[in-house]
């Protein structure tokens, strides 16, 4: 699985950053979520927490 951010949908709210138990998400200079896949455990917490459904898990 891969967790990715749909940049056009990300509102920059930061909820995913706050909710990620692995601390694998940060915000870039454009206030778009960025996932560090080296740190991500693919738990899905960010997918569930994102109010704009901008984070998805894909095969």
Protein backbone atom coordinates (compact mmCIF):
# COMPACT_ATOMS: atom_id res chain seq x y z
CA UNK A 1 0.00 0.00 0.00
CA UNK A 2 0.96 3.59 -0.57
CA UNK A 3 -0.44 6.60 1.26
CA UNK A 4 -0.59 9.74 -0.83
CA UNK A 5 -1.91 13.28 -0.67
CA UNK A 6 -4.19 14.61 -3.39
CA UNK A 7 -2.64 18.07 -3.43
CA UNK A 8 -5.63 19.75 -5.09
CA UNK A 9 -7.87 18.57 -2.24
CA UNK A 10 -5.58 19.42 0.69
CA UNK A 11 -6.79 22.50 2.57
CA UNK A 12 -3.70 22.78 4.77
CA UNK A 13 -5.66 22.35 8.00
CA UNK A 14 -2.89 20.25 9.63
CA UNK A 15 -5.23 17.68 11.15
CA UNK A 16 -3.19 14.85 9.65
CA UNK A 17 0.00 16.23 11.19
CA UNK A 18 -1.62 16.29 14.62
CA UNK A 19 -3.17 12.82 14.29
CA UNK A 20 -0.28 10.85 12.75
CA UNK A 21 1.08 8.51 15.47
CA UNK A 22 4.33 8.01 13.52
CA UNK A 23 4.92 11.77 13.09
CA UNK A 24 5.40 11.05 9.39
CA UNK A 25 3.47 14.03 8.03
CA UNK A 26 4.55 17.64 7.72
CA UNK A 27 3.29 20.67 5.83
CA UNK A 28 5.30 22.13 2.95
CA UNK A 29 5.75 25.84 2.22
CA UNK A 30 2.44 25.85 0.32
CA UNK A 31 0.57 24.36 3.33
CA UNK A 32 0.14 21.02 1.59
CA UNK A 33 0.59 17.81 3.59
CA UNK A 34 3.69 15.77 2.76
CA UNK A 35 4.05 12.17 3.91
CA UNK A 36 7.49 10.75 4.69
CA UNK A 37 7.02 7.19 3.48
CA UNK A 38 10.21 6.12 5.28
CA UNK A 39 8.45 6.93 8.57
CA UNK A 40 4.85 6.09 7.58
CA UNK A 41 3.47 2.85 9.06
CA UNK A 42 0.44 2.84 6.71
CA UNK A 43 -1.92 2.73 9.70
CA UNK A 44 -4.60 4.81 7.96
CA UNK A 45 -5.09 7.28 10.80
CA UNK A 46 -4.45 10.24 8.50
CA UNK A 47 -6.90 8.91 5.91
CA UNK A 48 -9.63 8.73 8.54
CA UNK A 49 -8.71 12.10 10.10
CA UNK A 50 -8.55 14.19 6.93
CA UNK A 51 -11.73 16.30 6.73
CA UNK A 52 -11.25 17.00 3.01
CA UNK A 53 -10.50 13.37 2.07
CA UNK A 54 -7.22 14.53 0.54
CA UNK A 55 -5.23 11.54 1.84
CA UNK A 56 -5.80 8.15 0.27
CA UNK A 57 -4.35 4.65 0.49
CA UNK A 58 -3.69 2.92 -2.81
CA UNK A 59 -2.36 -0.46 -3.89
